[in-house]
Amino acid sequence: MLTEKELIKVTGGEASSLGIGAIIGGIATFIIGVIDGFLRPLSCHE
């Protein structure tokens, strides 16, 4: 068991700036792709 003092010192679960940047970049890439798909749809050559 951890004492009360040890519990106060415990840190964790923090989101790193790299992880947040990757999430924001992924969302931005997805949104740009959706907008591009509406503006320049590719035709299917069967």
PDB file of N, CA and C in Angstrom:
ATOM      1  N   MET A   1       0.832  -1.183   0.000  1.00  0.00           N
ATOM      2  CA  MET A   1       0.000   0.000   0.000  1.00  0.00           C
ATOM      3  C   MET A   1       0.877   1.247   0.000  1.00  0.00           C
ATOM      4  N   LEU A   2       0.390   2.270  -0.692  1.00  0.00           N
ATOM      5  CA  LEU A   2       1.101   3.541  -0.695  1.00  0.00           C
ATOM      6  C   LEU A   2       0.600   4.405   0.447  1.00  0.00           C
ATOM      7  N   THR A   3       1.533   5.156   1.002  1.00  0.00           N
ATOM      8  CA  THR A   3       1.125   6.086   2.053  1.00  0.00           C
ATOM      9  C   THR A   3       0.515   7.329   1.405  1.00  0.00           C
ATOM     10  N   GLU A   4      -0.072   8.178   2.219  1.00  0.00           N
ATOM     11  CA  GLU A   4      -0.709   9.388   1.691  1.00  0.00           C
ATOM     12  C   GLU A   4       0.312  10.293   1.016  1.00  0.00           C
ATOM     13  N   LYS A   5       1.509  10.378   1.587  1.00  0.00           N
ATOM     14  CA  LYS A   5       2.563  11.205   0.993  1.00  0.00           C
ATOM     15  C   LYS A   5       2.986  10.666  -0.370  1.00  0.00           C
ATOM     16  N   GLU A   6       3.081   9.343  -0.487  1.00  0.00           N
ATOM     17  CA  GLU A   6       3.464   8.729  -1.759  1.00  0.00           C
ATOM     18  C   GLU A   6       2.367   8.920  -2.804  1.00  0.00           C
ATOM     19  N   LEU A   7       1.115   8.837  -2.395  1.00  0.00           N
ATOM     20  CA  LEU A   7       0.014   9.036  -3.328  1.00  0.00           C
ATOM     21  C   LEU A   7       0.007  10.446  -3.898  1.00  0.00           C
ATOM     22  N   ILE A   8       0.361  11.423  -3.078  1.00  0.00           N
ATOM     23  CA  ILE A   8       0.394  12.813  -3.530  1.00  0.00           C
ATOM     24  C   ILE A   8       1.486  13.003  -4.585  1.00  0.00           C
ATOM     25  N   LYS A   9       2.598  12.276  -4.457  1.00  0.00           N
ATOM     26  CA  LYS A   9       3.717  12.424  -5.378  1.00  0.00           C
ATOM     27  C   LYS A   9       3.504  11.701  -6.710  1.00  0.00           C
ATOM     28  N   VAL A  10       2.550  10.794  -6.772  1.00  0.00           N
ATOM     29  CA  VAL A  10       2.351   9.996  -7.981  1.00  0.00           C
ATOM     30  C   VAL A  10       1.815  10.877  -9.107  1.00  0.00           C
ATOM     31  N   THR A  11       2.470  10.815 -10.239  1.00  0.00           N
ATOM     32  CA  THR A  11       1.990  11.502 -11.442  1.00  0.00           C
ATOM     33  C   THR A  11       1.888  10.471 -12.551  1.00  0.00           C
ATOM     34  N   GLY A  12       0.988  10.705 -13.446  1.00  0.00           N
ATOM     35  CA  GLY A  12       0.842   9.783 -14.559  1.00  0.00           C
ATOM     36  C   GLY A  12      -0.383  10.121 -15.373  1.00  0.00           C
ATOM     37  N   GLY A  13      -0.481   9.497 -16.511  1.00  0.00           N
ATOM     38  CA  GLY A  13      -1.620   9.727 -17.374  1.00  0.00           C
ATOM     39  C   GLY A  13      -1.576  11.045 -18.106  1.00  0.00           C
ATOM     40  N   GLU A  14      -0.423  11.662 -18.137  1.00  0.00           N
ATOM     41  CA  GLU A  14      -0.304  12.939 -18.811  1.00  0.00           C
ATOM     42  C   GLU A  14      -0.158  12.709 -20.306  1.00  0.00           C
ATOM     43  N   ALA A  15      -0.843  13.520 -21.092  1.00  0.00           N
ATOM     44  CA  ALA A  15      -0.732  13.425 -22.541  1.00  0.00           C
ATOM     45  C   ALA A  15       0.529  14.185 -22.966  1.00  0.00           C
ATOM     46  N   SER A  16       1.361  13.552 -23.730  1.00  0.00           N
ATOM     47  CA  SER A  16       2.580  14.215 -24.198  1.00  0.00           C
ATOM     48  C   SER A  16       2.246  15.147 -25.360  1.00  0.00           C
ATOM     49  N   SER A  17       3.081  16.119 -25.565  1.00  0.00           N
ATOM     50  CA  SER A  17       2.853  17.069 -26.659  1.00  0.00           C
ATOM     51  C   SER A  17       2.967  16.361 -28.011  1.00  0.00           C
ATOM     52  N   LEU A  18       3.795  15.331 -28.082  1.00  0.00           N
ATOM     53  CA  LEU A  18       3.918  14.586 -29.327  1.00  0.00           C
ATOM     54  C   LEU A  18       2.618  13.852 -29.639  1.00  0.00           C
ATOM     55  N   GLY A  19       2.020  13.246 -28.634  1.00  0.00           N
ATOM     56  CA  GLY A  19       0.753  12.536 -28.836  1.00  0.00           C
ATOM     57  C   GLY A  19      -0.370  13.476 -29.228  1.00  0.00           C
ATOM     58  N   ILE A  20      -0.438  14.621 -28.572  1.00  0.00           N
ATOM     59  CA  ILE A  20      -1.471  15.605 -28.903  1.00  0.00           C
ATOM     60  C   ILE A  20      -1.262  16.128 -30.317  1.00  0.00           C
ATOM     61  N   GLY A  21      -0.013  16.377 -30.684  1.00  0.00           N
ATOM     62  CA  GLY A  21       0.284  16.841 -32.040  1.00  0.00           C
ATOM     63  C   GLY A  21      -0.086  15.810 -33.095  1.00  0.00           C
ATOM     64  N   ALA A  22       0.142  14.533 -32.789  1.00  0.00           N
ATOM     65  CA  ALA A  22      -0.209  13.476 -33.734  1.00  0.00           C
ATOM     66  C   ALA A  22      -1.723  13.381 -33.910  1.00  0.00           C
ATOM     67  N   ILE A  23      -2.460  13.534 -32.831  1.00  0.00           N
ATOM     68  CA  ILE A  23      -3.923  13.484 -32.918  1.00  0.00           C
ATOM     69  C   ILE A  23      -4.456  14.663 -33.725  1.00  0.00           C
ATOM     70  N   ILE A  24      -3.963  15.858 -33.432  1.00  0.00           N
ATOM     71  CA  ILE A  24      -4.409  17.046 -34.162  1.00  0.00           C
ATOM     72  C   ILE A  24      -4.036  16.935 -35.641  1.00  0.00           C
ATOM     73  N   GLY A  25      -2.834  16.449 -35.923  1.00  0.00           N
ATOM     74  CA  GLY A  25      -2.414  16.272 -37.316  1.00  0.00           C
ATOM     75  C   GLY A  25      -3.265  15.256 -38.044  1.00  0.00           C
ATOM     76  N   GLY A  26      -3.636  14.170 -37.374  1.00  0.00           N
ATOM     77  CA  GLY A  26      -4.478  13.155 -37.996  1.00  0.00           C
ATOM     78  C   GLY A  26      -5.867  13.678 -38.305  1.00  0.00           C
ATOM     79  N   ILE A  27      -6.434  14.433 -37.371  1.00  0.00           N
ATOM     80  CA  ILE A  27      -7.760  15.008 -37.598  1.00  0.00           C
ATOM     81  C   ILE A  27      -7.720  16.018 -38.732  1.00  0.00           C
ATOM     82  N   ALA A  28      -6.684  16.860 -38.755  1.00  0.00           N
ATOM     83  CA  ALA A  28      -6.558  17.861 -39.823  1.00  0.00           C
ATOM     84  C   ALA A  28      -6.398  17.185 -41.178  1.00  0.00           C
ATOM     85  N   THR A  29      -5.611  16.132 -41.250  1.00  0.00           N
ATOM     86  CA  THR A  29      -5.418  15.411 -42.507  1.00  0.00           C
ATOM     87  C   THR A  29      -6.728  14.793 -42.982  1.00  0.00           C
ATOM     88  N   PHE A  30      -7.497  14.225 -42.064  1.00  0.00           N
ATOM     89  CA  PHE A  30      -8.782  13.626 -42.425  1.00  0.00           C
ATOM     90  C   PHE A  30      -9.750  14.678 -42.968  1.00  0.00           C
ATOM     91  N   ILE A  31      -9.842  15.815 -42.284  1.00  0.00           N
ATOM     92  CA  ILE A  31     -10.763  16.872 -42.719  1.00  0.00           C
ATOM     93  C   ILE A  31     -10.355  17.419 -44.079  1.00  0.00           C
ATOM     94  N   ILE A  32      -9.067  17.630 -44.289  1.00  0.00           N
ATOM     95  CA  ILE A  32      -8.591  18.119 -45.586  1.00  0.00           C
ATOM     96  C   ILE A  32      -8.904  17.100 -46.680  1.00  0.00           C
ATOM     97  N   GLY A  33      -8.749  15.817 -46.388  1.00  0.00           N
ATOM     98  CA  GLY A  33      -9.067  14.783 -47.361  1.00  0.00           C
ATOM     99  C   GLY A  33     -10.540  14.738 -47.718  1.00  0.00           C
ATOM    100  N   VAL A  34     -11.406  14.911 -46.732  1.00  0.00           N
ATOM    101  CA  VAL A  34     -12.855  14.927 -46.997  1.00  0.00           C
ATOM    102  C   VAL A  34     -13.221  16.128 -47.861  1.00  0.00           C
ATOM    103  N   ILE A  35     -12.697  17.302 -47.531  1.00  0.00           N
ATOM    104  CA  ILE A  35     -12.983  18.506 -48.325  1.00  0.00           C
ATOM    105  C   ILE A  35     -12.454  18.337 -49.743  1.00  0.00           C
ATOM    106  N   ASP A  36     -11.262  17.799 -49.882  1.00  0.00           N
ATOM    107  CA  ASP A  36     -10.673  17.575 -51.207  1.00  0.00           C
ATOM    108  C   ASP A  36     -11.514  16.581 -52.005  1.00  0.00           C
ATOM    109  N   GLY A  37     -12.057  15.571 -51.351  1.00  0.00           N
ATOM    110  CA  GLY A  37     -12.892  14.596 -52.035  1.00  0.00           C
ATOM    111  C   GLY A  37     -14.176  15.200 -52.568  1.00  0.00           C
ATOM    112  N   PHE A  38     -14.735  16.147 -51.844  1.00  0.00           N
ATOM    113  CA  PHE A  38     -15.938  16.818 -52.330  1.00  0.00           C
ATOM    114  C   PHE A  38     -15.620  17.776 -53.460  1.00  0.00           C
ATOM    115  N   LEU A  39     -14.494  18.473 -53.372  1.00  0.00           N
ATOM    116  CA  LEU A  39     -14.160  19.477 -54.383  1.00  0.00           C
ATOM    117  C   LEU A  39     -13.609  18.857 -55.663  1.00  0.00           C
ATOM    118  N   ARG A  40     -12.860  17.769 -55.558  1.00  0.00           N
ATOM    119  CA  ARG A  40     -12.270  17.111 -56.730  1.00  0.00           C
ATOM    120  C   ARG A  40     -12.553  15.618 -56.701  1.00  0.00           C
ATOM    121  N   PRO A  41     -13.805  15.231 -56.943  1.00  0.00           N
ATOM    122  CA  PRO A  41     -14.111  13.780 -56.904  1.00  0.00           C
ATOM    123  C   PRO A  41     -13.425  13.049 -58.061  1.00  0.00           C
ATOM    124  N   LEU A  42     -12.901  11.879 -57.787  1.00  0.00           N
ATOM    125  CA  LEU A  42     -12.258  11.073 -58.800  1.00  0.00           C
ATOM    126  C   LEU A  42     -13.287  10.145 -59.439  1.00  0.00           C
ATOM    127  N   SER A  43     -13.276  10.110 -60.764  1.00  0.00           N
ATOM    128  CA  SER A  43     -14.235   9.236 -61.447  1.00  0.00           C
ATOM    129  C   SER A  43     -13.699   7.814 -61.470  1.00  0.00           C
ATOM    130  N   CYS A  44     -14.621   6.865 -61.495  1.00  0.00           N
ATOM    131  CA  CYS A  44     -14.264   5.442 -61.517  1.00  0.00           C
ATOM    132  C   CYS A  44     -14.275   4.956 -62.961  1.00  0.00           C
ATOM    133  N   HIS A  45     -13.154   4.488 -63.449  1.00  0.00           N
ATOM    134  CA  HIS A  45     -13.040   4.011 -64.827  1.00  0.00           C
ATOM    135  C   HIS A  45     -13.237   2.502 -64.839  1.00  0.00           C
ATOM    136  N   GLU A  46     -14.433   2.077 -65.225  1.00  0.00           N
ATOM    137  CA  GLU A  46     -14.727   0.632 -65.233  1.00  0.00           C
ATOM    138  C   GLU A  46     -14.418   0.021 -66.569  1.00  0.00           C
TER     139      GLU A  46
END
